[in-house]
């Protein structure tokens, strides 16, 4: 008689691996199936440009990962994972040569914001102090908070639009643009409700624990997660593509680290019509256009703060950033796109040959856009780092179509695996969250709560749902 597994996880992204680890830790027999030759999903690295230059294919900076309950940093350190903390977390340069710089401390950051130094401290200090209490609530499905007062204070700010909060709290260009740029990670127009939440959470994380990245590349995080799973008896099978749920070996539970559109393909006609329609209504948002560079030298930024920062935001003023994001949302390509850039080799020289560097950047474009944004992205870098093109040794470009081919969860190049607005924050992808109408079949991707971010908590909470259901007797062998 064939051995029946306790759980099969389809997809080895951070959420799939986190789900598998939680179940294996509970003593279950777990198999992870991955279509690609290596595990990791959006957490992979490769020599995309030249030998010896290690680039992060998708995610690069992981502020959520260090303190995530799903990952357990101490355990992953035992499997070789080392976190790198740049001297400065983030820089946002301006045309006059100045920059807003997110340093490790609130006071040092405030000192770069001129007349808004005090306003920044008053806004962020309570959030940074409360973040340890807020984190558990933020990285889970909507529920009654464990710290109601802290959650209420945060919610009063987070529900606002990023542009509105910036305009009310700050008087100067630098602080307003800083908040706008960080909030733009949410991939929505900055005048939309709850867009302030993205900026507030990411800024709080910048101060504690920081915008960190794995030494040697993002794939080191995936490697450590796989090693942790194997130490618990779990198995990862790469180069094993699953086209249908019928391809999965017998198991008490199946967890799908996929977003709604790929899940519709996996489930086929099994899904009830009502649930199928709900998944078909799930909305994907802007796409991303991404470039990796092999560089002959560090980027020649005009501002020294940019030379020390692991991440650099290129977009000028709040108004300019807001226009760029609105254009992408409404189906237009911006002439001056807001650019998010990572330069890991300023703190991790292991990723390039001696004296050389790598950099990574993307801008938001309409979903499935075919526009060539390379000249416009490089023009934005040249704007604040004249001579950048002169140090480029090689380039690697990923269009939205390339991104979707690399990871089908990112439909149209949407690296957030779906719009995060009020409706899809509460019902992600439906009010059932991780559970589906199919007995023993669950979702565990970034299209479930708490959503996008390399934290593994979507998978962790899906695994908790599996354990709860199995304990209650709702278990099925297909």
Protein backbone atom coordinates (compact mmCIF):
# COMPACT_ATOMS: atom_id res chain seq x y z
CA UNK A 1 0.00 0.00 0.00
CA UNK A 2 1.30 3.44 -0.93
CA UNK A 3 2.39 5.65 1.94
CA UNK A 4 -0.08 8.49 2.46
CA UNK A 5 1.61 11.79 3.27
CA UNK A 6 0.26 14.14 5.89
CA UNK A 7 0.76 17.15 3.63
CA UNK A 8 1.93 18.12 0.16
CA UNK A 9 2.90 21.73 -0.49
CA UNK A 10 2.79 22.96 -4.08
CA UNK A 11 5.45 25.65 -4.49
CA UNK A 12 8.61 26.35 -2.52
CA UNK A 13 8.39 30.10 -2.05
CA UNK A 14 8.94 31.42 1.48
CA UNK A 15 5.28 30.85 2.33
CA UNK A 16 5.27 27.29 1.02
CA UNK A 17 8.45 26.46 2.93
CA UNK A 18 7.15 28.13 6.09
CA UNK A 19 3.96 26.06 5.88
CA UNK A 20 5.96 22.88 5.39
CA UNK A 21 8.26 23.68 8.33
CA UNK A 22 5.32 24.34 10.66
CA UNK A 23 3.67 21.05 9.72
CA UNK A 24 6.93 19.08 9.92
CA UNK A 25 7.59 20.61 13.32
CA UNK A 26 4.20 19.23 14.39
CA UNK A 27 5.42 15.76 13.41
CA UNK A 28 3.80 15.51 10.00
CA UNK A 29 5.22 13.85 6.89
CA UNK A 30 5.58 16.69 4.40
CA UNK A 31 6.56 16.83 0.72
CA UNK A 32 7.19 20.11 -1.12
CA UNK A 33 6.87 20.07 -4.92
CA UNK A 34 8.75 22.76 -6.87
CA UNK A 35 8.69 23.18 -10.66
CA UNK A 36 12.04 24.97 -10.93
CA UNK A 37 15.50 23.43 -10.48
CA UNK A 38 16.01 25.31 -7.20
CA UNK A 39 13.70 26.09 -4.29
CA UNK A 40 12.78 29.60 -3.22
CA UNK A 41 10.06 31.06 -5.45
CA UNK A 42 10.61 34.81 -5.27
CA UNK A 43 13.64 34.30 -3.00
CA UNK A 44 16.31 33.20 -5.46
CA UNK A 45 19.69 34.46 -6.65
CA UNK A 46 21.68 33.77 -9.80
CA UNK A 47 24.54 35.03 -11.97
CA UNK A 48 22.21 36.94 -14.29
CA UNK A 49 24.80 39.16 -15.97
CA UNK A 50 28.35 37.81 -15.68
CA UNK A 51 30.07 34.98 -13.78
CA UNK A 52 30.77 35.95 -10.18
CA UNK A 53 28.05 38.65 -10.04
CA UNK A 54 25.24 37.37 -7.79
CA UNK A 55 21.87 39.02 -8.38
CA UNK A 56 18.58 38.60 -6.54
CA UNK A 57 16.02 37.53 -9.14
CA UNK A 58 13.00 38.95 -7.31
CA UNK A 59 13.03 40.00 -3.64
CA UNK A 60 16.25 41.51 -2.31
CA UNK A 61 15.65 43.30 0.99
CA UNK A 62 13.76 41.47 3.75
CA UNK A 63 12.77 43.68 6.71
CA UNK A 64 10.01 41.29 7.85
CA UNK A 65 12.08 38.12 7.74
CA UNK A 66 14.44 38.71 10.66
CA UNK A 67 11.75 38.76 13.35
CA UNK A 68 9.19 36.53 11.66
CA UNK A 69 7.81 33.76 13.86
CA UNK A 70 7.50 31.60 10.76
CA UNK A 71 11.23 31.70 10.08
CA UNK A 72 12.80 31.63 13.56
CA UNK A 73 16.04 33.52 12.84
CA UNK A 74 18.04 31.63 15.46
CA UNK A 75 17.17 28.30 13.86
CA UNK A 76 18.01 29.55 10.38
CA UNK A 77 21.35 30.87 11.60
CA UNK A 78 22.21 27.29 12.52
CA UNK A 79 21.75 26.46 8.84
CA UNK A 80 24.16 29.12 7.64
CA UNK A 81 21.94 32.18 7.19
CA UNK A 82 23.65 35.48 8.05
CA UNK A 83 21.90 38.84 7.87
CA UNK A 84 23.67 41.95 6.58
CA UNK A 85 22.73 45.38 7.91
CA UNK A 86 23.87 48.30 5.76
CA UNK A 87 25.18 51.46 7.40
CA UNK A 88 21.99 53.28 6.36
CA UNK A 89 18.70 51.63 5.49
CA UNK A 90 17.37 53.97 2.83
CA UNK A 91 18.24 57.18 1.02
CA UNK A 92 15.95 59.43 -1.01
CA UNK A 93 17.94 62.03 -2.99
CA UNK A 94 16.74 65.34 -4.42
CA UNK A 95 17.80 67.50 -7.34
CA UNK A 96 19.57 70.03 -5.12
CA UNK A 97 22.02 67.36 -3.95
CA UNK A 98 20.40 66.81 -0.54
CA UNK A 99 18.82 63.54 0.61
CA UNK A 100 16.49 62.19 3.26
CA UNK A 101 18.32 59.29 4.83
CA UNK A 102 16.78 56.61 7.03
CA UNK A 103 19.55 55.87 9.48
CA UNK A 104 19.52 53.21 12.19
CA UNK A 105 18.17 55.65 14.81
CA UNK A 106 15.21 57.99 14.74
CA UNK A 107 17.31 60.99 15.78
CA UNK A 108 19.89 60.49 13.03
CA UNK A 109 17.11 60.09 10.48
CA UNK A 110 15.28 63.17 11.72
CA UNK A 111 18.47 65.21 11.37
CA UNK A 112 18.25 64.75 7.57
CA UNK A 113 14.69 66.10 7.38
CA UNK A 114 15.24 69.77 8.22
CA UNK A 115 12.14 71.50 9.56
CA UNK A 116 10.31 68.17 9.88
CA UNK A 117 12.80 66.57 12.27
CA UNK A 118 10.48 66.90 15.25
CA UNK A 119 7.40 65.88 13.30
CA UNK A 120 9.13 62.71 12.11
CA UNK A 121 10.12 61.77 15.65
CA UNK A 122 6.59 62.41 16.91
CA UNK A 123 5.08 60.29 14.15
CA UNK A 124 7.48 57.36 14.19
CA UNK A 125 8.71 57.02 17.79
CA UNK A 126 5.41 55.59 19.13
CA UNK A 127 5.21 53.15 16.20
CA UNK A 128 8.79 51.94 16.61
CA UNK A 129 8.23 51.47 20.34
CA UNK A 130 4.94 49.63 19.79
CA UNK A 131 6.07 47.51 16.83
CA UNK A 132 6.94 44.39 18.91
CA UNK A 133 3.33 44.38 20.12
CA UNK A 134 1.86 45.28 16.74
CA UNK A 135 3.86 42.83 14.66
CA UNK A 136 1.89 39.75 15.64
CA UNK A 137 -1.38 41.44 14.75
CA UNK A 138 -0.05 42.92 11.52
CA UNK A 139 1.38 39.61 10.29
CA UNK A 140 -1.84 37.66 10.59
CA UNK A 141 -5.42 37.56 9.36
CA UNK A 142 -7.79 40.35 10.46
CA UNK A 143 -8.79 39.70 14.06
CA UNK A 144 -9.18 41.36 17.45
CA UNK A 145 -5.72 42.78 18.27
CA UNK A 146 -3.66 41.51 21.17
CA UNK A 147 -2.74 45.12 22.02
CA UNK A 148 -5.97 47.05 21.32
CA UNK A 149 -4.74 50.52 22.32
CA UNK A 150 -1.57 50.33 20.21
CA UNK A 151 -3.55 48.88 17.31
CA UNK A 152 -6.15 51.65 17.54
CA UNK A 153 -3.49 54.37 17.44
CA UNK A 154 -1.76 52.72 14.50
CA UNK A 155 -5.04 52.14 12.69
CA UNK A 156 -6.01 55.81 12.92
CA UNK A 157 -2.87 56.63 10.95
CA UNK A 158 -2.73 53.57 8.70
CA UNK A 159 -6.23 53.98 7.30
CA UNK A 160 -5.27 57.32 5.72
CA UNK A 161 -3.83 57.89 2.27
CA UNK A 162 -0.07 58.28 2.12
CA UNK A 163 -0.28 61.64 0.38
CA UNK A 164 -2.83 62.92 2.88
CA UNK A 165 -0.85 61.85 5.93
CA UNK A 166 2.38 63.27 4.51
CA UNK A 167 0.70 66.57 3.74
CA UNK A 168 -0.84 66.90 7.18
CA UNK A 169 2.18 65.80 9.22
CA UNK A 170 5.07 67.38 7.31
CA UNK A 171 5.81 70.82 5.93
CA UNK A 172 8.96 70.18 3.94
CA UNK A 173 9.71 68.43 0.67
CA UNK A 174 12.10 65.84 2.08
CA UNK A 175 9.91 64.23 4.75
CA UNK A 176 6.86 64.22 2.48
CA UNK A 177 8.78 62.54 -0.33
CA UNK A 178 10.38 60.04 2.04
CA UNK A 179 7.01 58.82 3.31
CA UNK A 180 5.57 58.78 -0.22
CA UNK A 181 8.45 56.69 -1.58
CA UNK A 182 8.21 54.10 1.18
CA UNK A 183 4.42 53.93 0.84
CA UNK A 184 4.81 53.36 -2.90
CA UNK A 185 6.05 49.85 -2.10
CA UNK A 186 2.34 49.08 -1.72
CA UNK A 187 1.88 49.45 -5.50
CA UNK A 188 -1.22 51.61 -5.32
CA UNK A 189 -1.95 55.29 -6.03
CA UNK A 190 -0.84 57.28 -3.01
CA UNK A 191 -4.19 59.03 -2.59
CA UNK A 192 -5.93 55.71 -1.83
CA UNK A 193 -7.14 54.60 1.59
CA UNK A 194 -4.72 52.56 3.76
CA UNK A 195 -1.71 53.44 1.56
CA UNK A 196 -0.19 55.22 4.58
CA UNK A 197 0.03 51.82 6.28
CA UNK A 198 2.72 50.60 3.88
CA UNK A 199 4.93 53.59 4.60
CA UNK A 200 4.44 53.49 8.36
CA UNK A 201 5.13 49.77 8.72
CA UNK A 202 8.20 49.78 6.49
CA UNK A 203 9.65 52.84 8.22
CA UNK A 204 9.08 51.24 11.62
CA UNK A 205 10.88 48.16 10.37
CA UNK A 206 13.73 50.29 9.03
CA UNK A 207 14.45 51.42 12.58
CA UNK A 208 13.90 48.01 14.14
CA UNK A 209 15.21 45.53 13.06
CA UNK A 210 16.28 47.26 9.84
CA UNK A 211 16.06 46.68 6.09
CA UNK A 212 18.40 43.68 6.08
CA UNK A 213 19.38 41.17 3.40
CA UNK A 214 21.01 37.73 3.45
CA UNK A 215 24.77 37.59 2.98
CA UNK A 216 25.50 35.97 -0.36
CA UNK A 217 22.09 36.64 -1.87
CA UNK A 218 18.39 36.02 -1.27
CA UNK A 219 18.77 32.35 -2.16
CA UNK A 220 20.66 31.86 1.12
CA UNK A 221 17.36 32.42 2.93
CA UNK A 222 15.67 29.76 0.79
CA UNK A 223 18.62 27.41 1.34
CA UNK A 224 18.34 27.81 5.11
CA UNK A 225 14.58 27.21 5.03
CA UNK A 226 15.06 24.04 2.98
CA UNK A 227 17.79 22.86 5.37
CA UNK A 228 15.52 23.54 8.34
CA UNK A 229 12.69 21.57 6.72
CA UNK A 230 14.95 18.62 5.93
CA UNK A 231 16.24 18.58 9.50
CA UNK A 232 12.62 17.99 10.54
CA UNK A 233 12.19 15.14 8.07
CA UNK A 234 10.52 17.10 5.28
CA UNK A 235 11.31 16.47 1.62
CA UNK A 236 11.68 18.99 -1.24
CA UNK A 237 11.34 17.68 -4.80
CA UNK A 238 12.53 20.21 -7.40
CA UNK A 239 11.89 20.05 -11.16
CA UNK A 240 8.48 18.59 -10.37
CA UNK A 241 5.83 20.62 -12.14
CA UNK A 242 2.23 20.25 -10.98
CA UNK A 243 -0.33 20.99 -13.68
CA UNK A 244 -3.37 19.71 -11.78
CA UNK A 245 -4.32 18.63 -8.29
CA UNK A 246 -4.62 15.17 -9.84
CA UNK A 247 -0.82 15.15 -10.16
CA UNK A 248 -0.34 15.35 -6.39
CA UNK A 249 0.35 12.12 -4.49
CA UNK A 250 -2.20 10.99 -1.85
CA UNK A 251 -2.12 13.28 1.19
CA UNK A 252 -4.30 14.33 4.09
CA UNK A 253 -3.81 17.98 3.10
CA UNK A 254 -2.62 19.93 0.07
CA UNK A 255 -1.32 23.47 0.52
CA UNK A 256 -0.99 25.60 -2.59
CA UNK A 257 1.59 28.39 -2.56
CA UNK A 258 -0.07 29.94 -5.59
CA UNK A 259 -2.20 33.00 -6.25
CA UNK A 260 -5.83 32.69 -7.44
CA UNK A 261 -5.30 32.48 -11.21
CA UNK A 262 -2.80 29.59 -11.06
CA UNK A 263 -5.01 27.89 -8.45
CA UNK A 264 -7.96 28.03 -10.84
CA UNK A 265 -5.83 26.15 -13.34
CA UNK A 266 -4.72 23.58 -10.74
CA UNK A 267 -8.23 22.91 -9.44
CA UNK A 268 -9.97 22.87 -12.81
CA UNK A 269 -13.64 21.96 -12.73
CA UNK A 270 -13.51 20.78 -9.10
CA UNK A 271 -14.28 24.22 -7.69
CA UNK A 272 -17.89 25.21 -6.99
CA UNK A 273 -19.10 27.92 -9.35
CA UNK A 274 -19.53 30.52 -6.61
CA UNK A 275 -15.97 30.14 -5.30
CA UNK A 276 -14.58 30.07 -8.83
CA UNK A 277 -16.33 33.35 -9.61
CA UNK A 278 -14.90 34.89 -6.42
CA UNK A 279 -11.36 33.92 -7.45
CA UNK A 280 -11.96 35.20 -10.97
CA UNK A 281 -12.85 38.59 -9.45
CA UNK A 282 -9.54 38.74 -7.56
CA UNK A 283 -7.64 41.75 -8.85
CA UNK A 284 -3.99 41.90 -9.80
CA UNK A 285 -2.38 45.32 -9.94
CA UNK A 286 0.60 47.11 -11.41
CA UNK A 287 3.45 45.20 -12.94
CA UNK A 288 7.17 45.68 -12.39
CA UNK A 289 9.96 46.31 -14.88
CA UNK A 290 13.24 45.16 -13.35
CA UNK A 291 16.90 45.58 -14.25
CA UNK A 292 20.05 44.03 -12.75
CA UNK A 293 23.46 45.56 -13.37
CA UNK A 294 27.00 44.32 -13.07
CA UNK A 295 29.04 47.41 -12.20
CA UNK A 296 32.71 48.28 -12.47
CA UNK A 297 32.55 50.54 -9.37
CA UNK A 298 30.10 51.80 -6.74
CA UNK A 299 27.28 53.98 -8.07
CA UNK A 300 28.58 57.59 -8.17
CA UNK A 301 25.81 59.20 -6.14
CA UNK A 302 26.01 62.95 -5.63
CA UNK A 303 24.88 62.60 -2.02
CA UNK A 304 27.01 60.66 0.44
CA UNK A 305 23.93 59.27 2.20
CA UNK A 306 23.07 57.36 -0.97
CA UNK A 307 26.55 55.80 -1.00
CA UNK A 308 25.89 54.27 2.44
CA UNK A 309 22.30 53.10 1.95
CA UNK A 310 21.29 49.57 1.06
CA UNK A 311 18.17 50.89 -0.71
CA UNK A 312 17.74 54.12 -2.67
CA UNK A 313 14.43 55.62 -3.81
CA UNK A 314 14.58 57.73 -6.96
CA UNK A 315 11.56 59.88 -7.60
CA UNK A 316 12.04 63.43 -6.40
CA UNK A 317 9.06 65.02 -4.69
CA UNK A 318 5.86 63.53 -3.34
CA UNK A 319 3.97 65.02 -6.26
CA UNK A 320 6.30 63.40 -8.79
CA UNK A 321 6.11 59.99 -7.09
CA UNK A 322 2.32 60.21 -6.82
CA UNK A 323 2.03 61.03 -10.52
CA UNK A 324 4.25 58.09 -11.47
CA UNK A 325 2.22 55.63 -9.40
CA UNK A 326 -1.08 57.04 -10.65
CA UNK A 327 0.09 56.66 -14.24
CA UNK A 328 1.00 53.00 -13.79
CA UNK A 329 -2.31 52.31 -12.02
CA UNK A 330 -4.29 53.95 -14.81
CA UNK A 331 -2.49 52.16 -17.63
CA UNK A 332 0.12 54.76 -18.61
CA UNK A 333 3.92 54.57 -18.50
CA UNK A 334 5.56 57.45 -16.68
CA UNK A 335 8.30 59.51 -18.34
CA UNK A 336 9.97 59.85 -14.94
CA UNK A 337 9.09 56.61 -13.15
CA UNK A 338 9.57 56.17 -9.44
CA UNK A 339 12.54 53.78 -9.14
CA UNK A 340 13.33 51.48 -6.21
CA UNK A 341 17.00 50.48 -6.20
CA UNK A 342 19.02 48.05 -4.09
CA UNK A 343 22.83 48.07 -3.93
CA UNK A 344 23.77 45.10 -1.70
CA UNK A 345 27.49 45.03 -2.42
CA UNK A 346 28.08 48.21 -0.43
CA UNK A 347 27.67 45.98 2.64
CA UNK A 348 28.15 42.50 1.18
CA UNK A 349 31.18 42.31 -1.13
CA UNK A 350 30.76 38.53 -1.51
CA UNK A 351 28.23 39.10 -4.29
CA UNK A 352 30.71 40.40 -6.87
CA UNK A 353 34.38 40.03 -7.84
CA UNK A 354 36.79 42.18 -5.85
CA UNK A 355 36.23 45.88 -6.49
CA UNK A 356 33.06 45.25 -8.54
CA UNK A 357 29.43 45.71 -7.59
CA UNK A 358 25.87 44.69 -8.39
CA UNK A 359 22.68 46.74 -8.30
CA UNK A 360 19.02 45.94 -8.81
CA UNK A 361 16.12 48.27 -9.54
CA UNK A 362 12.55 48.24 -10.69
CA UNK A 363 9.75 50.65 -11.47
CA UNK A 364 6.01 50.15 -11.54
CA UNK A 365 4.26 49.88 -14.90
CA UNK A 366 0.75 48.92 -15.99
CA UNK A 367 0.05 45.22 -15.54
CA UNK A 368 1.42 43.15 -18.44
CA UNK A 369 3.01 46.28 -19.96
CA UNK A 370 5.35 45.73 -22.91
CA UNK A 371 7.00 49.17 -22.64
CA UNK A 372 10.81 49.28 -22.55
CA UNK A 373 11.53 51.23 -19.37
CA UNK A 374 15.30 50.71 -19.36
CA UNK A 375 16.21 54.16 -20.76
CA UNK A 376 13.82 55.92 -18.36
CA UNK A 377 15.02 53.96 -15.31
CA UNK A 378 18.67 54.67 -16.12
CA UNK A 379 17.85 58.34 -16.72
CA UNK A 380 16.44 58.52 -13.19
CA UNK A 381 19.64 57.02 -11.79
CA UNK A 382 21.79 59.41 -13.86
CA UNK A 383 19.71 62.27 -12.50
CA UNK A 384 21.12 61.64 -9.03
CA UNK A 385 24.31 59.76 -9.95
CA UNK A 386 25.86 61.36 -13.06
CA UNK A 387 28.17 58.91 -14.80
CA UNK A 388 26.24 55.80 -13.79
CA UNK A 389 26.04 54.43 -17.34
CA UNK A 390 29.83 54.67 -17.63
CA UNK A 391 30.33 52.01 -14.93
CA UNK A 392 27.81 49.49 -16.29
CA UNK A 393 29.50 46.25 -17.37
CA UNK A 394 26.35 44.29 -18.18
CA UNK A 395 22.57 44.43 -17.81
CA UNK A 396 19.79 41.91 -17.35
CA UNK A 397 16.19 43.03 -17.94
CA UNK A 398 12.95 41.42 -16.76
CA UNK A 399 9.71 42.71 -18.25
CA UNK A 400 6.35 41.99 -16.57
CA UNK A 401 5.99 38.99 -18.89
CA UNK A 402 9.42 37.70 -17.85
CA UNK A 403 8.50 38.09 -14.18
CA UNK A 404 5.28 36.12 -14.68
CA UNK A 405 7.13 33.39 -16.57
CA UNK A 406 9.60 33.15 -13.70
CA UNK A 407 6.80 33.02 -11.12
CA UNK A 408 3.20 32.48 -12.39
CA UNK A 409 1.84 33.84 -9.10
CA UNK A 410 2.92 37.31 -10.27
CA UNK A 411 0.23 37.75 -12.92
CA UNK A 412 1.05 40.57 -15.31
CA UNK A 413 4.28 41.16 -13.40
CA UNK A 414 2.46 42.03 -10.16
CA UNK A 415 5.15 41.20 -7.58
CA UNK A 416 2.59 41.76 -4.80
CA UNK A 417 0.45 38.81 -6.00
CA UNK A 418 -2.66 40.99 -6.00
CA UNK A 419 -3.90 44.46 -5.14
CA UNK A 420 -3.87 45.32 -1.44
CA UNK A 421 -6.82 47.64 -0.97
CA UNK A 422 -9.44 47.59 1.75
CA UNK A 423 -11.51 44.85 0.14
CA UNK A 424 -8.59 42.57 -0.67
CA UNK A 425 -7.05 43.24 2.71
CA UNK A 426 -10.12 41.80 4.43
CA UNK A 427 -11.05 39.17 1.81
CA UNK A 428 -7.73 37.83 0.54
CA UNK A 429 -8.56 36.14 -1.76
CA UNK A 430 -11.97 35.48 -0.16
CA UNK A 431 -13.35 35.63 3.36
CA UNK A 432 -12.36 31.95 3.68
CA UNK A 433 -8.71 33.06 3.55
CA UNK A 434 -6.64 29.85 3.58
CA UNK A 435 -9.45 27.32 3.26
CA UNK A 436 -11.06 26.35 -0.04
CA UNK A 437 -14.33 24.48 -0.69
CA UNK A 438 -12.24 21.41 -1.60
CA UNK A 439 -11.79 19.10 1.38
CA UNK A 440 -8.18 19.08 2.53
CA UNK A 441 -7.06 21.76 0.03
CA UNK A 442 -5.68 25.09 1.26
CA UNK A 443 -4.10 28.28 -0.10
CA UNK A 444 -0.90 29.58 1.50
CA UNK A 445 0.51 32.20 -0.89
CA UNK A 446 0.88 35.98 -0.60
CA UNK A 447 -2.69 36.15 -1.90
CA UNK A 448 -3.77 35.17 1.64
CA UNK A 449 -3.37 37.20 4.86
CA UNK A 450 -1.22 39.03 5.77
CA UNK A 451 -0.22 39.43 2.13
CA UNK A 452 2.95 40.45 0.37
CA UNK A 453 6.33 40.41 2.13
CA UNK A 454 9.04 37.86 2.79
CA UNK A 455 7.83 36.76 6.21
CA UNK A 456 6.35 33.31 5.64
CA UNK A 457 3.33 34.11 7.77
CA UNK A 458 0.81 33.32 5.03
CA UNK A 459 2.18 29.79 5.00
CA UNK A 460 2.45 29.63 8.79
CA UNK A 461 -1.20 30.58 9.30
CA UNK A 462 -2.34 28.21 6.54
CA UNK A 463 -0.49 25.38 8.31
CA UNK A 464 -2.20 26.36 11.57
CA UNK A 465 -5.55 26.08 9.76
CA UNK A 466 -4.58 22.58 8.56
CA UNK A 467 -3.63 21.47 12.07
CA UNK A 468 -6.83 22.93 13.52
CA UNK A 469 -9.00 21.19 10.93
CA UNK A 470 -7.26 17.87 11.32
CA UNK A 471 -7.63 18.01 15.08
CA UNK A 472 -11.32 18.74 14.61
CA UNK A 473 -11.66 15.70 12.37
CA UNK A 474 -12.00 17.58 9.08
CA UNK A 475 -9.41 15.59 7.19
CA UNK A 476 -9.49 13.93 3.82
CA UNK A 477 -7.37 11.57 1.77
CA UNK A 478 -8.05 12.13 -1.87
